[in-house]
Amino acid sequence: MTSVKDRVISIIAEKGAVDKSLLHPEAKIEQLGIDSLGMVESIFAIEEAFGVSVPFNANQPGEGGFDISSVGSIITSVEALIAART
């Protein structure tokens, strides 16, 4: 079974068109060159993959409580959504 971390990294790599080897927890999303469309597609894919609803607004990405500043923060936020679901 694939871990949440590995699955999130795979989704961001695919949807954000970024080499998977660059995606480590400390990697900052803005430094990876992922555009807003890639981020939105990543969020939709995460919702589908994990059966969660991500509180993310593309027009106001800093609001909603879902931290997209780094790969690690996204992983932590997804894990929290999964835990809250059960």
C-alpha atoms as a PDB file:
ATOM      1  CA  MET A   1       0.000   0.000   0.000  1.00  0.00           C
ATOM      2  CA  THR A   2       1.306   3.435  -0.936  1.00  0.00           C
ATOM      3  CA  SER A   3       1.743   5.941   1.891  1.00  0.00           C
ATOM      4  CA  VAL A   4      -0.059   9.282   1.933  1.00  0.00           C
ATOM      5  CA  LYS A   5       3.304  10.999   1.470  1.00  0.00           C
ATOM      6  CA  ASP A   6       4.228   8.947  -1.601  1.00  0.00           C
ATOM      7  CA  ARG A   7       0.793   9.342  -3.146  1.00  0.00           C
ATOM      8  CA  VAL A   8       0.718  13.116  -2.616  1.00  0.00           C
ATOM      9  CA  ILE A   9       4.210  13.448  -4.103  1.00  0.00           C
ATOM     10  CA  SER A  10       3.186  11.388  -7.138  1.00  0.00           C
ATOM     11  CA  ILE A  11       0.090  13.537  -7.675  1.00  0.00           C
ATOM     12  CA  ILE A  12       2.004  16.811  -7.399  1.00  0.00           C
ATOM     13  CA  ALA A  13       4.706  15.503  -9.751  1.00  0.00           C
ATOM     14  CA  GLU A  14       2.151  14.473 -12.367  1.00  0.00           C
ATOM     15  CA  LYS A  15      -0.245  17.426 -12.177  1.00  0.00           C
ATOM     16  CA  GLY A  16       2.432  20.046 -11.537  1.00  0.00           C
ATOM     17  CA  ALA A  17       4.732  18.659 -14.245  1.00  0.00           C
ATOM     18  CA  VAL A  18       7.683  18.482 -11.851  1.00  0.00           C
ATOM     19  CA  ASP A  19      10.374  15.827 -11.600  1.00  0.00           C
ATOM     20  CA  LYS A  20       9.443  13.594  -8.673  1.00  0.00           C
ATOM     21  CA  SER A  21      13.034  13.675  -7.370  1.00  0.00           C
ATOM     22  CA  LEU A  22      12.620  17.400  -6.594  1.00  0.00           C
ATOM     23  CA  LEU A  23       9.602  16.815  -4.374  1.00  0.00           C
ATOM     24  CA  HIS A  24      10.756  16.416  -0.788  1.00  0.00           C
ATOM     25  CA  PRO A  25       8.921  17.718   2.310  1.00  0.00           C
ATOM     26  CA  GLU A  26      11.009  20.908   2.548  1.00  0.00           C
ATOM     27  CA  ALA A  27      10.497  21.840  -1.136  1.00  0.00           C
ATOM     28  CA  LYS A  28       8.600  25.119  -1.515  1.00  0.00           C
ATOM     29  CA  ILE A  29       5.834  24.991  -4.116  1.00  0.00           C
ATOM     30  CA  GLU A  30       6.653  28.433  -5.556  1.00  0.00           C
ATOM     31  CA  GLN A  31      10.303  27.437  -6.063  1.00  0.00           C
ATOM     32  CA  LEU A  32       9.290  24.299  -7.957  1.00  0.00           C
ATOM     33  CA  GLY A  33       7.645  26.361 -10.682  1.00  0.00           C
ATOM     34  CA  ILE A  34       4.203  24.811 -10.292  1.00  0.00           C
ATOM     35  CA  ASP A  35       1.685  27.198 -11.813  1.00  0.00           C
ATOM     36  CA  SER A  36      -1.792  27.833 -10.429  1.00  0.00           C
ATOM     37  CA  LEU A  37      -3.425  25.418 -12.876  1.00  0.00           C
ATOM     38  CA  GLY A  38      -1.034  22.660 -11.831  1.00  0.00           C
ATOM     39  CA  MET A  39      -1.805  23.360  -8.181  1.00  0.00           C
ATOM     40  CA  VAL A  40      -5.567  23.329  -8.737  1.00  0.00           C
ATOM     41  CA  GLU A  41      -5.303  20.068 -10.699  1.00  0.00           C
ATOM     42  CA  SER A  42      -3.182  18.625  -7.870  1.00  0.00           C
ATOM     43  CA  ILE A  43      -5.827  19.614  -5.302  1.00  0.00           C
ATOM     44  CA  PHE A  44      -8.617  17.995  -7.350  1.00  0.00           C
ATOM     45  CA  ALA A  45      -6.559  14.822  -7.762  1.00  0.00           C
ATOM     46  CA  ILE A  46      -5.811  14.722  -4.029  1.00  0.00           C
ATOM     47  CA  GLU A  47      -9.506  15.066  -3.238  1.00  0.00           C
ATOM     48  CA  GLU A  48     -10.329  12.210  -5.576  1.00  0.00           C
ATOM     49  CA  ALA A  49      -7.468   9.958  -4.444  1.00  0.00           C
ATOM     50  CA  PHE A  50      -8.179  10.301  -0.729  1.00  0.00           C
ATOM     51  CA  GLY A  51     -11.931  10.951  -0.670  1.00  0.00           C
ATOM     52  CA  VAL A  52     -11.534  14.278   1.115  1.00  0.00           C
ATOM     53  CA  SER A  53     -12.717  17.820   0.512  1.00  0.00           C
ATOM     54  CA  VAL A  54      -9.789  20.231   0.469  1.00  0.00           C
ATOM     55  CA  PRO A  55     -10.615  23.717   1.800  1.00  0.00           C
ATOM     56  CA  PHE A  56      -8.724  25.547  -0.939  1.00  0.00           C
ATOM     57  CA  ASN A  57      -9.706  28.601  -2.945  1.00  0.00           C
ATOM     58  CA  ALA A  58      -7.488  29.252  -5.966  1.00  0.00           C
ATOM     59  CA  ASN A  59      -8.373  32.951  -5.838  1.00  0.00           C
ATOM     60  CA  GLN A  60      -7.266  33.194  -2.186  1.00  0.00           C
ATOM     61  CA  PRO A  61      -4.771  30.344  -1.649  1.00  0.00           C
ATOM     62  CA  GLY A  62      -3.666  31.611   1.765  1.00  0.00           C
ATOM     63  CA  GLU A  63      -7.139  31.231   3.232  1.00  0.00           C
ATOM     64  CA  GLY A  64      -9.119  28.116   4.034  1.00  0.00           C
ATOM     65  CA  GLY A  65      -6.665  26.412   6.346  1.00  0.00           C
ATOM     66  CA  PHE A  66      -4.988  24.250   3.720  1.00  0.00           C
ATOM     67  CA  ASP A  67      -1.300  25.155   3.632  1.00  0.00           C
ATOM     68  CA  ILE A  68       0.173  24.801   0.133  1.00  0.00           C
ATOM     69  CA  SER A  69       3.475  26.529   0.862  1.00  0.00           C
ATOM     70  CA  SER A  70       5.562  23.341   0.754  1.00  0.00           C
ATOM     71  CA  VAL A  71       5.292  19.689  -0.183  1.00  0.00           C
ATOM     72  CA  GLY A  72       5.499  18.756   3.496  1.00  0.00           C
ATOM     73  CA  SER A  73       2.711  21.135   4.487  1.00  0.00           C
ATOM     74  CA  ILE A  74       0.456  19.656   1.814  1.00  0.00           C
ATOM     75  CA  ILE A  75       1.203  16.131   3.055  1.00  0.00           C
ATOM     76  CA  THR A  76       0.488  17.161   6.667  1.00  0.00           C
ATOM     77  CA  SER A  77      -2.756  18.880   5.654  1.00  0.00           C
ATOM     78  CA  VAL A  78      -3.935  15.835   3.676  1.00  0.00           C
ATOM     79  CA  GLU A  79      -3.117  13.546   6.606  1.00  0.00           C
ATOM     80  CA  ALA A  80      -5.179  15.817   8.893  1.00  0.00           C
ATOM     81  CA  LEU A  81      -8.135  15.719   6.498  1.00  0.00           C
ATOM     82  CA  ILE A  82      -7.952  11.935   6.349  1.00  0.00           C
ATOM     83  CA  ALA A  83      -7.788  11.698  10.159  1.00  0.00           C
ATOM     84  CA  ALA A  84     -10.753  14.054  10.555  1.00  0.00           C
ATOM     85  CA  ARG A  85     -12.788  11.931   8.181  1.00  0.00           C
ATOM     86  CA  THR A  86     -12.652   8.848  10.405  1.00  0.00           C
END
